[in-house]
Structure formats: structure tokens, C-alpha cells
Amino acid sequence: MEMVLNKIEEVLVESGRYSSRKELIEDALRALIREKPELRVDVAAELYKKGEVSLARASEIGGLNIEDFKELLKSRGIKIPVPDITADELDQETKKILEG
């Protein structure tokens, strides 16, 4: 099967349908994600878990609102870190926001 895939890749690039192997792979991945949208959620959760994207960006990638994405992370045992902030710091930040 690998040989057939290599030949398909070769033909698609050599025929000019794709300018490069990279372009072909990118298009193939987009098609895969469209066909199997559950993969978007898997990718988003893994990117978040690895710290490569923020919670907001991961939920966007996964096509979920933030609260649903948080629930998904929880169901997968992925922790959402909470910033270590004192009550004083929180009060100061709140005051700045309200005055601003």
C-alpha cells in the first residue's frame, strides 16, 4: 500500500495538481479533518495538553465553546491550570478593571 501511496503522491505533484509534497499533505489533512470532525477535537485537546495553544484557541480549533471544551478536557483527565494569585492581587486587578 505504501508504494501505491508514494506513486499517487508522485503523480499528483508531477502533474502539477500540487506544487509540492507539502501542499499535497496540507490539502489531504484538511480533507481528513472535514471528513472526520472528531479528529479536530482530538488535535485541539492534545495541542492544549502540550501547552502549544491557549484554552480559547484550543476550543476554537475543536469547534466547541470554551465551557464544552473544558468539560471535554475534564472527561479526558486533562487539567486546566489555575493561576496562582493572592486575594490581594485579585482585588487590585478587579479595581483596575472597574476604574479603567
PDB file of N, CA and C in Angstrom:
ATOM      1  N   MET A   1       0.821  -1.199   0.000  1.00  0.00           N
ATOM      2  CA  MET A   1       0.000   0.000   0.000  1.00  0.00           C
ATOM      3  C   MET A   1       0.865   1.263   0.000  1.00  0.00           C
ATOM      4  N   GLU A   2       1.995   1.196   0.726  1.00  0.00           N
ATOM      5  CA  GLU A   2       2.888   2.349   0.785  1.00  0.00           C
ATOM      6  C   GLU A   2       3.385   2.738  -0.604  1.00  0.00           C
ATOM      7  N   MET A   3       3.701   1.740  -1.418  1.00  0.00           N
ATOM      8  CA  MET A   3       4.183   2.009  -2.779  1.00  0.00           C
ATOM      9  C   MET A   3       3.113   2.729  -3.595  1.00  0.00           C
ATOM     10  N   VAL A   4       1.860   2.286  -3.453  1.00  0.00           N
ATOM     11  CA  VAL A   4       0.761   2.920  -4.184  1.00  0.00           C
ATOM     12  C   VAL A   4       0.600   4.367  -3.740  1.00  0.00           C
ATOM     13  N   LEU A   5       0.672   4.614  -2.431  1.00  0.00           N
ATOM     14  CA  LEU A   5       0.548   5.984  -1.927  1.00  0.00           C
ATOM     15  C   LEU A   5       1.687   6.863  -2.430  1.00  0.00           C
ATOM     16  N   ASN A   6       2.879   6.316  -2.465  1.00  0.00           N
ATOM     17  CA  ASN A   6       4.017   7.081  -2.991  1.00  0.00           C
ATOM     18  C   ASN A   6       3.819   7.424  -4.458  1.00  0.00           C
ATOM     19  N   LYS A   7       3.267   6.492  -5.219  1.00  0.00           N
ATOM     20  CA  LYS A   7       3.015   6.736  -6.649  1.00  0.00           C
ATOM     21  C   LYS A   7       1.934   7.802  -6.826  1.00  0.00           C
ATOM     22  N   ILE A   8       0.893   7.733  -6.002  1.00  0.00           N
ATOM     23  CA  ILE A   8      -0.170   8.742  -6.080  1.00  0.00           C
ATOM     24  C   ILE A   8       0.417  10.119  -5.795  1.00  0.00           C
ATOM     25  N   GLU A   9       1.204  10.192  -4.744  1.00  0.00           N
ATOM     26  CA  GLU A   9       1.861  11.453  -4.386  1.00  0.00           C
ATOM     27  C   GLU A   9       2.709  11.959  -5.550  1.00  0.00           C
ATOM     28  N   GLU A  10       3.511  11.084  -6.114  1.00  0.00           N
ATOM     29  CA  GLU A  10       4.390  11.430  -7.223  1.00  0.00           C
ATOM     30  C   GLU A  10       3.593  11.963  -8.410  1.00  0.00           C
ATOM     31  N   VAL A  11       2.531  11.270  -8.779  1.00  0.00           N
ATOM     32  CA  VAL A  11       1.715  11.666  -9.932  1.00  0.00           C
ATOM     33  C   VAL A  11       1.056  13.022  -9.683  1.00  0.00           C
ATOM     34  N   LEU A  12       0.510  13.224  -8.482  1.00  0.00           N
ATOM     35  CA  LEU A  12      -0.181  14.475  -8.193  1.00  0.00           C
ATOM     36  C   LEU A  12       0.766  15.677  -8.218  1.00  0.00           C
ATOM     37  N   VAL A  13       1.985  15.484  -7.762  1.00  0.00           N
ATOM     38  CA  VAL A  13       2.950  16.583  -7.777  1.00  0.00           C
ATOM     39  C   VAL A  13       3.508  16.788  -9.184  1.00  0.00           C
ATOM     40  N   GLU A  14       3.893  15.705  -9.841  1.00  0.00           N
ATOM     41  CA  GLU A  14       4.471  15.820 -11.188  1.00  0.00           C
ATOM     42  C   GLU A  14       3.471  16.340 -12.219  1.00  0.00           C
ATOM     43  N   SER A  15       2.198  16.041 -12.033  1.00  0.00           N
ATOM     44  CA  SER A  15       1.186  16.503 -12.986  1.00  0.00           C
ATOM     45  C   SER A  15       0.859  17.982 -12.807  1.00  0.00           C
ATOM     46  N   GLY A  16       1.386  18.570 -11.728  1.00  0.00           N
ATOM     47  CA  GLY A  16       1.130  19.985 -11.485  1.00  0.00           C
ATOM     48  C   GLY A  16      -0.107  20.246 -10.655  1.00  0.00           C
ATOM     49  N   ARG A  17      -0.803  19.186 -10.277  1.00  0.00           N
ATOM     50  CA  ARG A  17      -2.012  19.371  -9.454  1.00  0.00           C
ATOM     51  C   ARG A  17      -1.646  20.012  -8.117  1.00  0.00           C
ATOM     52  N   TYR A  18      -0.489  19.637  -7.597  1.00  0.00           N
ATOM     53  CA  TYR A  18       0.053  20.241  -6.378  1.00  0.00           C
ATOM     54  C   TYR A  18       1.466  20.705  -6.682  1.00  0.00           C
ATOM     55  N   SER A  19       1.831  21.854  -6.138  1.00  0.00           N
ATOM     56  CA  SER A  19       3.162  22.394  -6.420  1.00  0.00           C
ATOM     57  C   SER A  19       4.256  21.703  -5.618  1.00  0.00           C
ATOM     58  N   SER A  20       3.863  21.049  -4.524  1.00  0.00           N
ATOM     59  CA  SER A  20       4.859  20.372  -3.692  1.00  0.00           C
ATOM     60  C   SER A  20       4.196  19.287  -2.855  1.00  0.00           C
ATOM     61  N   ARG A  21       5.024  18.438  -2.300  1.00  0.00           N
ATOM     62  CA  ARG A  21       4.546  17.384  -1.401  1.00  0.00           C
ATOM     63  C   ARG A  21       3.867  18.024  -0.186  1.00  0.00           C
ATOM     64  N   LYS A  22       4.448  19.127   0.315  1.00  0.00           N
ATOM     65  CA  LYS A  22       3.901  19.834   1.468  1.00  0.00           C
ATOM     66  C   LYS A  22       2.468  20.302   1.191  1.00  0.00           C
ATOM     67  N   GLU A  23       2.253  20.901   0.029  1.00  0.00           N
ATOM     68  CA  GLU A  23       0.915  21.373  -0.334  1.00  0.00           C
ATOM     69  C   GLU A  23      -0.069  20.207  -0.414  1.00  0.00           C
ATOM     70  N   LEU A  24       0.357  19.097  -0.967  1.00  0.00           N
ATOM     71  CA  LEU A  24      -0.481  17.897  -1.063  1.00  0.00           C
ATOM     72  C   LEU A  24      -0.871  17.394   0.322  1.00  0.00           C
ATOM     73  N   ILE A  25       0.101  17.311   1.207  1.00  0.00           N
ATOM     74  CA  ILE A  25      -0.164  16.814   2.561  1.00  0.00           C
ATOM     75  C   ILE A  25      -1.102  17.752   3.311  1.00  0.00           C
ATOM     76  N   GLU A  26      -0.896  19.056   3.183  1.00  0.00           N
ATOM     77  CA  GLU A  26      -1.776  20.019   3.842  1.00  0.00           C
ATOM     78  C   GLU A  26      -3.220  19.865   3.361  1.00  0.00           C
ATOM     79  N   ASP A  27      -3.382  19.716   2.038  1.00  0.00           N
ATOM     80  CA  ASP A  27      -4.719  19.539   1.476  1.00  0.00           C
ATOM     81  C   ASP A  27      -5.342  18.225   1.958  1.00  0.00           C
ATOM     82  N   ALA A  28      -4.533  17.177   2.013  1.00  0.00           N
ATOM     83  CA  ALA A  28      -5.023  15.878   2.481  1.00  0.00           C
ATOM     84  C   ALA A  28      -5.463  15.948   3.944  1.00  0.00           C
ATOM     85  N   LEU A  29      -4.707  16.660   4.761  1.00  0.00           N
ATOM     86  CA  LEU A  29      -5.075  16.800   6.177  1.00  0.00           C
ATOM     87  C   LEU A  29      -6.358  17.608   6.338  1.00  0.00           C
ATOM     88  N   ARG A  30      -6.505  18.670   5.559  1.00  0.00           N
ATOM     89  CA  ARG A  30      -7.759  19.449   5.618  1.00  0.00           C
ATOM     90  C   ARG A  30      -8.946  18.574   5.238  1.00  0.00           C
ATOM     91  N   ALA A  31      -8.790  17.763   4.194  1.00  0.00           N
ATOM     92  CA  ALA A  31      -9.869  16.869   3.763  1.00  0.00           C
ATOM     93  C   ALA A  31     -10.183  15.835   4.846  1.00  0.00           C
ATOM     94  N   LEU A  32      -9.154  15.323   5.488  1.00  0.00           N
ATOM     95  CA  LEU A  32      -9.341  14.337   6.562  1.00  0.00           C
ATOM     96  C   LEU A  32     -10.123  14.943   7.725  1.00  0.00           C
ATOM     97  N   ILE A  33      -9.765  16.156   8.116  1.00  0.00           N
ATOM     98  CA  ILE A  33     -10.454  16.830   9.220  1.00  0.00           C
ATOM     99  C   ILE A  33     -11.914  17.123   8.853  1.00  0.00           C
ATOM    100  N   ARG A  34     -12.162  17.504   7.595  1.00  0.00           N
ATOM    101  CA  ARG A  34     -13.552  17.729   7.160  1.00  0.00           C
ATOM    102  C   ARG A  34     -14.346  16.423   7.214  1.00  0.00           C
ATOM    103  N   GLU A  35     -13.720  15.338   6.821  1.00  0.00           N
ATOM    104  CA  GLU A  35     -14.390  14.035   6.785  1.00  0.00           C
ATOM    105  C   GLU A  35     -14.606  13.452   8.181  1.00  0.00           C
ATOM    106  N   LYS A  36     -13.671  13.721   9.076  1.00  0.00           N
ATOM    107  CA  LYS A  36     -13.736  13.173  10.434  1.00  0.00           C
ATOM    108  C   LYS A  36     -13.570  14.307  11.449  1.00  0.00           C
ATOM    109  N   PRO A  37     -14.616  15.087  11.678  1.00  0.00           N
ATOM    110  CA  PRO A  37     -14.503  16.257  12.550  1.00  0.00           C
ATOM    111  C   PRO A  37     -14.105  15.927  13.991  1.00  0.00           C
ATOM    112  N   GLU A  38     -14.327  14.695  14.412  1.00  0.00           N
ATOM    113  CA  GLU A  38     -13.926  14.323  15.772  1.00  0.00           C
ATOM    114  C   GLU A  38     -12.404  14.421  15.949  1.00  0.00           C
ATOM    115  N   LEU A  39     -11.679  14.345  14.838  1.00  0.00           N
ATOM    116  CA  LEU A  39     -10.228  14.487  14.908  1.00  0.00           C
ATOM    117  C   LEU A  39      -9.828  15.900  15.304  1.00  0.00           C
ATOM    118  N   ARG A  40     -10.642  16.879  14.938  1.00  0.00           N
ATOM    119  CA  ARG A  40     -10.368  18.270  15.326  1.00  0.00           C
ATOM    120  C   ARG A  40     -10.318  18.396  16.832  1.00  0.00           C
ATOM    121  N   VAL A  41     -11.267  17.751  17.494  1.00  0.00           N
ATOM    122  CA  VAL A  41     -11.334  17.805  18.956  1.00  0.00           C
ATOM    123  C   VAL A  41     -10.105  17.118  19.556  1.00  0.00           C
ATOM    124  N   ASP A  42      -9.725  15.970  18.998  1.00  0.00           N
ATOM    125  CA  ASP A  42      -8.545  15.253  19.482  1.00  0.00           C
ATOM    126  C   ASP A  42      -7.286  16.105  19.341  1.00  0.00           C
ATOM    127  N   VAL A  43      -7.134  16.726  18.189  1.00  0.00           N
ATOM    128  CA  VAL A  43      -5.965  17.570  17.938  1.00  0.00           C
ATOM    129  C   VAL A  43      -5.970  18.763  18.891  1.00  0.00           C
ATOM    130  N   ALA A  44      -7.117  19.401  19.042  1.00  0.00           N
ATOM    131  CA  ALA A  44      -7.224  20.567  19.924  1.00  0.00           C
ATOM    132  C   ALA A  44      -6.858  20.201  21.361  1.00  0.00           C
ATOM    133  N   ALA A  45      -7.367  19.078  21.847  1.00  0.00           N
ATOM    134  CA  ALA A  45      -7.080  18.648  23.221  1.00  0.00           C
ATOM    135  C   ALA A  45      -5.588  18.369  23.400  1.00  0.00           C
ATOM    136  N   GLU A  46      -4.972  17.717  22.427  1.00  0.00           N
ATOM    137  CA  GLU A  46      -3.545  17.410  22.527  1.00  0.00           C
ATOM    138  C   GLU A  46      -2.689  18.669  22.460  1.00  0.00           C
ATOM    139  N   LEU A  47      -3.057  19.597  21.582  1.00  0.00           N
ATOM    140  CA  LEU A  47      -2.306  20.851  21.493  1.00  0.00           C
ATOM    141  C   LEU A  47      -2.394  21.617  22.815  1.00  0.00           C
ATOM    142  N   TYR A  48      -3.580  21.625  23.416  1.00  0.00           N
ATOM    143  CA  TYR A  48      -3.748  22.298  24.703  1.00  0.00           C
ATOM    144  C   TYR A  48      -2.941  21.584  25.788  1.00  0.00           C
ATOM    145  N   LYS A  49      -3.037  20.277  25.821  1.00  0.00           N
ATOM    146  CA  LYS A  49      -2.328  19.470  26.823  1.00  0.00           C
ATOM    147  C   LYS A  49      -0.819  19.714  26.761  1.00  0.00           C
ATOM    148  N   LYS A  50      -0.283  19.867  25.555  1.00  0.00           N
ATOM    149  CA  LYS A  50       1.146  20.108  25.368  1.00  0.00           C
ATOM    150  C   LYS A  50       1.533  21.568  25.615  1.00  0.00           C
ATOM    151  N   GLY A  51       0.533  22.431  25.840  1.00  0.00           N
ATOM    152  CA  GLY A  51       0.809  23.843  26.081  1.00  0.00           C
ATOM    153  C   GLY A  51       1.132  24.621  24.828  1.00  0.00           C
ATOM    154  N   GLU A  52       0.749  24.075  23.682  1.00  0.00           N
ATOM    155  CA  GLU A  52       1.074  24.738  22.412  1.00  0.00           C
ATOM    156  C   GLU A  52       0.039  25.787  22.013  1.00  0.00           C
ATOM    157  N   VAL A  53      -1.167  25.704  22.591  1.00  0.00           N
ATOM    158  CA  VAL A  53      -2.205  26.703  22.324  1.00  0.00           C
ATOM    159  C   VAL A  53      -2.939  27.017  23.621  1.00  0.00           C
ATOM    160  N   SER A  54      -3.571  28.181  23.649  1.00  0.00           N
ATOM    161  CA  SER A  54      -4.356  28.578  24.820  1.00  0.00           C
ATOM    162  C   SER A  54      -5.671  27.802  24.855  1.00  0.00           C
ATOM    163  N   LEU A  55      -6.355  27.906  25.965  1.00  0.00           N
ATOM    164  CA  LEU A  55      -7.656  27.261  26.105  1.00  0.00           C
ATOM    165  C   LEU A  55      -8.636  27.804  25.060  1.00  0.00           C
ATOM    166  N   ALA A  56      -8.626  29.111  24.874  1.00  0.00           N
ATOM    167  CA  ALA A  56      -9.539  29.727  23.899  1.00  0.00           C
ATOM    168  C   ALA A  56      -9.240  29.239  22.483  1.00  0.00           C
ATOM    169  N   ARG A  57      -7.957  29.198  22.135  1.00  0.00           N
ATOM    170  CA  ARG A  57      -7.583  28.758  20.776  1.00  0.00           C
ATOM    171  C   ARG A  57      -7.903  27.285  20.578  1.00  0.00           C
ATOM    172  N   ALA A  58      -7.647  26.479  21.605  1.00  0.00           N
ATOM    173  CA  ALA A  58      -7.939  25.047  21.501  1.00  0.00           C
ATOM    174  C   ALA A  58      -9.439  24.810  21.313  1.00  0.00           C
ATOM    175  N   SER A  59     -10.258  25.548  22.048  1.00  0.00           N
ATOM    176  CA  SER A  59     -11.704  25.361  21.893  1.00  0.00           C
ATOM    177  C   SER A  59     -12.155  25.784  20.501  1.00  0.00           C
ATOM    178  N   GLU A  60     -11.517  26.818  19.969  1.00  0.00           N
ATOM    179  CA  GLU A  60     -11.820  27.269  18.600  1.00  0.00           C
ATOM    180  C   GLU A  60     -11.427  26.192  17.586  1.00  0.00           C
ATOM    181  N   ILE A  61     -10.236  25.641  17.735  1.00  0.00           N
ATOM    182  CA  ILE A  61      -9.771  24.585  16.833  1.00  0.00           C
ATOM    183  C   ILE A  61     -10.722  23.397  16.887  1.00  0.00           C
ATOM    184  N   GLY A  62     -11.147  23.040  18.098  1.00  0.00           N
ATOM    185  CA  GLY A  62     -12.040  21.900  18.280  1.00  0.00           C
ATOM    186  C   GLY A  62     -13.477  22.161  17.868  1.00  0.00           C
ATOM    187  N   GLY A  63     -13.803  23.418  17.607  1.00  0.00           N
ATOM    188  CA  GLY A  63     -15.165  23.757  17.194  1.00  0.00           C
ATOM    189  C   GLY A  63     -16.161  23.715  18.334  1.00  0.00           C
ATOM    190  N   LEU A  64     -15.682  23.937  19.553  1.00  0.00           N
ATOM    191  CA  LEU A  64     -16.551  23.915  20.733  1.00  0.00           C
ATOM    192  C   LEU A  64     -16.466  25.250  21.455  1.00  0.00           C
ATOM    193  N   ASN A  65     -17.516  25.575  22.224  1.00  0.00           N
ATOM    194  CA  ASN A  65     -17.388  26.759  23.070  1.00  0.00           C
ATOM    195  C   ASN A  65     -16.480  26.398  24.246  1.00  0.00           C
ATOM    196  N   ILE A  66     -15.968  27.399  24.930  1.00  0.00           N
ATOM    197  CA  ILE A  66     -14.971  27.153  25.978  1.00  0.00           C
ATOM    198  C   ILE A  66     -15.496  26.238  27.073  1.00  0.00           C
ATOM    199  N   GLU A  67     -16.720  26.431  27.505  1.00  0.00           N
ATOM    200  CA  GLU A  67     -17.257  25.600  28.589  1.00  0.00           C
ATOM    201  C   GLU A  67     -17.371  24.136  28.171  1.00  0.00           C
ATOM    202  N   ASP A  68     -17.833  23.886  26.958  1.00  0.00           N
ATOM    203  CA  ASP A  68     -17.904  22.496  26.468  1.00  0.00           C
ATOM    204  C   ASP A  68     -16.504  21.903  26.323  1.00  0.00           C
ATOM    205  N   PHE A  69     -15.550  22.740  25.896  1.00  0.00           N
ATOM    206  CA  PHE A  69     -14.188  22.251  25.746  1.00  0.00           C
ATOM    207  C   PHE A  69     -13.587  21.919  27.110  1.00  0.00           C
ATOM    208  N   LYS A  70     -13.885  22.740  28.109  1.00  0.00           N
ATOM    209  CA  LYS A  70     -13.412  22.444  29.470  1.00  0.00           C
ATOM    210  C   LYS A  70     -13.951  21.098  29.942  1.00  0.00           C
ATOM    211  N   GLU A  71     -15.222  20.846  29.665  1.00  0.00           N
ATOM    212  CA  GLU A  71     -15.830  19.561  30.049  1.00  0.00           C
ATOM    213  C   GLU A  71     -15.139  18.401  29.330  1.00  0.00           C
ATOM    214  N   LEU A  72     -14.836  18.608  28.057  1.00  0.00           N
ATOM    215  CA  LEU A  72     -14.133  17.576  27.291  1.00  0.00           C
ATOM    216  C   LEU A  72     -12.766  17.291  27.909  1.00  0.00           C
ATOM    217  N   LEU A  73     -12.035  18.349  28.248  1.00  0.00           N
ATOM    218  CA  LEU A  73     -10.724  18.170  28.873  1.00  0.00           C
ATOM    219  C   LEU A  73     -10.859  17.409  30.185  1.00  0.00           C
ATOM    220  N   LYS A  74     -11.846  17.791  30.964  1.00  0.00           N
ATOM    221  CA  LYS A  74     -12.088  17.117  32.248  1.00  0.00           C
ATOM    222  C   LYS A  74     -12.363  15.632  32.030  1.00  0.00           C
ATOM    223  N   SER A  75     -13.179  15.321  31.035  1.00  0.00           N
ATOM    224  CA  SER A  75     -13.525  13.917  30.766  1.00  0.00           C
ATOM    225  C   SER A  75     -12.310  13.114  30.307  1.00  0.00           C
ATOM    226  N   ARG A  76     -11.306  13.800  29.777  1.00  0.00           N
ATOM    227  CA  ARG A  76     -10.088  13.131  29.326  1.00  0.00           C
ATOM    228  C   ARG A  76      -8.971  13.180  30.366  1.00  0.00           C
ATOM    229  N   GLY A  77      -9.295  13.742  31.522  1.00  0.00           N
ATOM    230  CA  GLY A  77      -8.294  13.810  32.589  1.00  0.00           C
ATOM    231  C   GLY A  77      -7.215  14.853  32.357  1.00  0.00           C
ATOM    232  N   ILE A  78      -7.511  15.837  31.525  1.00  0.00           N
ATOM    233  CA  ILE A  78      -6.547  16.905  31.246  1.00  0.00           C
ATOM    234  C   ILE A  78      -6.885  18.074  32.161  1.00  0.00           C
ATOM    235  N   LYS A  79      -5.926  18.436  32.988  1.00  0.00           N
ATOM    236  CA  LYS A  79      -6.144  19.504  33.968  1.00  0.00           C
ATOM    237  C   LYS A  79      -5.981  20.876  33.329  1.00  0.00           C
ATOM    238  N   ILE A  80      -6.777  21.811  33.823  1.00  0.00           N
ATOM    239  CA  ILE A  80      -6.692  23.205  33.398  1.00  0.00           C
ATOM    240  C   ILE A  80      -6.028  23.956  34.547  1.00  0.00           C
ATOM    241  N   PRO A  81      -4.797  24.427  34.334  1.00  0.00           N
ATOM    242  CA  PRO A  81      -4.103  25.113  35.427  1.00  0.00           C
ATOM    243  C   PRO A  81      -4.782  26.423  35.798  1.00  0.00           C
ATOM    244  N   VAL A  82      -4.828  26.683  37.082  1.00  0.00           N
ATOM    245  CA  VAL A  82      -5.398  27.928  37.594  1.00  0.00           C
ATOM    246  C   VAL A  82      -4.232  28.792  38.051  1.00  0.00           C
ATOM    247  N   PRO A  83      -4.187  30.055  37.621  1.00  0.00           N
ATOM    248  CA  PRO A  83      -3.067  30.918  38.017  1.00  0.00           C
ATOM    249  C   PRO A  83      -3.006  31.066  39.535  1.00  0.00           C
ATOM    250  N   ASP A  84      -1.801  31.094  40.050  1.00  0.00           N
ATOM    251  CA  ASP A  84      -1.572  31.263  41.470  1.00  0.00           C
ATOM    252  C   ASP A  84      -1.597  32.752  41.774  1.00  0.00           C
ATOM    253  N   ILE A  85      -2.722  33.241  42.284  1.00  0.00           N
ATOM    254  CA  ILE A  85      -2.881  34.668  42.535  1.00  0.00           C
ATOM    255  C   ILE A  85      -3.491  34.852  43.924  1.00  0.00           C
ATOM    256  N   THR A  86      -2.949  35.806  44.654  1.00  0.00           N
ATOM    257  CA  THR A  86      -3.463  36.053  46.005  1.00  0.00           C
ATOM    258  C   THR A  86      -4.751  36.856  45.931  1.00  0.00           C
ATOM    259  N   ALA A  87      -5.474  36.869  47.043  1.00  0.00           N
ATOM    260  CA  ALA A  87      -6.721  37.642  47.117  1.00  0.00           C
ATOM    261  C   ALA A  87      -6.435  39.119  46.923  1.00  0.00           C
ATOM    262  N   ASP A  88      -5.304  39.591  47.482  1.00  0.00           N
ATOM    263  CA  ASP A  88      -4.913  40.999  47.324  1.00  0.00           C
ATOM    264  C   ASP A  88      -4.691  41.353  45.857  1.00  0.00           C
ATOM    265  N   GLU A  89      -3.952  40.501  45.156  1.00  0.00           N
ATOM    266  CA  GLU A  89      -3.686  40.732  43.730  1.00  0.00           C
ATOM    267  C   GLU A  89      -4.981  40.721  42.927  1.00  0.00           C
ATOM    268  N   LEU A  90      -5.875  39.823  43.279  1.00  0.00           N
ATOM    269  CA  LEU A  90      -7.168  39.743  42.601  1.00  0.00           C
ATOM    270  C   LEU A  90      -7.973  41.016  42.836  1.00  0.00           C
ATOM    271  N   ASP A  91      -7.970  41.504  44.078  1.00  0.00           N
ATOM    272  CA  ASP A  91      -8.682  42.750  44.395  1.00  0.00           C
ATOM    273  C   ASP A  91      -8.107  43.923  43.619  1.00  0.00           C
ATOM    274  N   GLN A  92      -6.777  43.990  43.531  1.00  0.00           N
ATOM    275  CA  GLN A  92      -6.124  45.075  42.797  1.00  0.00           C
ATOM    276  C   GLN A  92      -6.481  45.030  41.313  1.00  0.00           C
ATOM    277  N   GLU A  93      -6.453  43.839  40.721  1.00  0.00           N
ATOM    278  CA  GLU A  93      -6.790  43.699  39.302  1.00  0.00           C
ATOM    279  C   GLU A  93      -8.257  44.057  39.052  1.00  0.00           C
ATOM    280  N   THR A  94      -9.123  43.638  39.947  1.00  0.00           N
ATOM    281  CA  THR A  94     -10.552  43.953  39.820  1.00  0.00           C
ATOM    282  C   THR A  94     -10.754  45.462  39.888  1.00  0.00           C
ATOM    283  N   LYS A  95     -10.058  46.105  40.824  1.00  0.00           N
ATOM    284  CA  LYS A  95     -10.167  47.553  40.978  1.00  0.00           C
ATOM    285  C   LYS A  95      -9.716  48.256  39.706  1.00  0.00           C
ATOM    286  N   LYS A  96      -8.601  47.813  39.121  1.00  0.00           N
ATOM    287  CA  LYS A  96      -8.093  48.415  37.879  1.00  0.00           C
ATOM    288  C   LYS A  96      -9.119  48.304  36.750  1.00  0.00           C
ATOM    289  N   ILE A  97      -9.733  47.125  36.657  1.00  0.00           N
ATOM    290  CA  ILE A  97     -10.723  46.894  35.602  1.00  0.00           C
ATOM    291  C   ILE A  97     -11.925  47.801  35.788  1.00  0.00           C
ATOM    292  N   LEU A  98     -12.408  47.905  37.009  1.00  0.00           N
ATOM    293  CA  LEU A  98     -13.588  48.721  37.289  1.00  0.00           C
ATOM    294  C   LEU A  98     -13.314  50.216  37.116  1.00  0.00           C
ATOM    295  N   GLU A  99     -12.097  50.628  37.384  1.00  0.00           N
ATOM    296  CA  GLU A  99     -11.733  52.052  37.232  1.00  0.00           C
ATOM    297  C   GLU A  99     -11.385  52.407  35.780  1.00  0.00           C
ATOM    298  N   GLY A 100     -10.911  51.412  35.048  1.00  0.00           N
ATOM    299  CA  GLY A 100     -10.370  51.615  33.718  1.00  0.00           C
ATOM    300  C   GLY A 100     -11.317  52.003  32.686  1.00  0.00           C
TER     301      GLY A 100
END
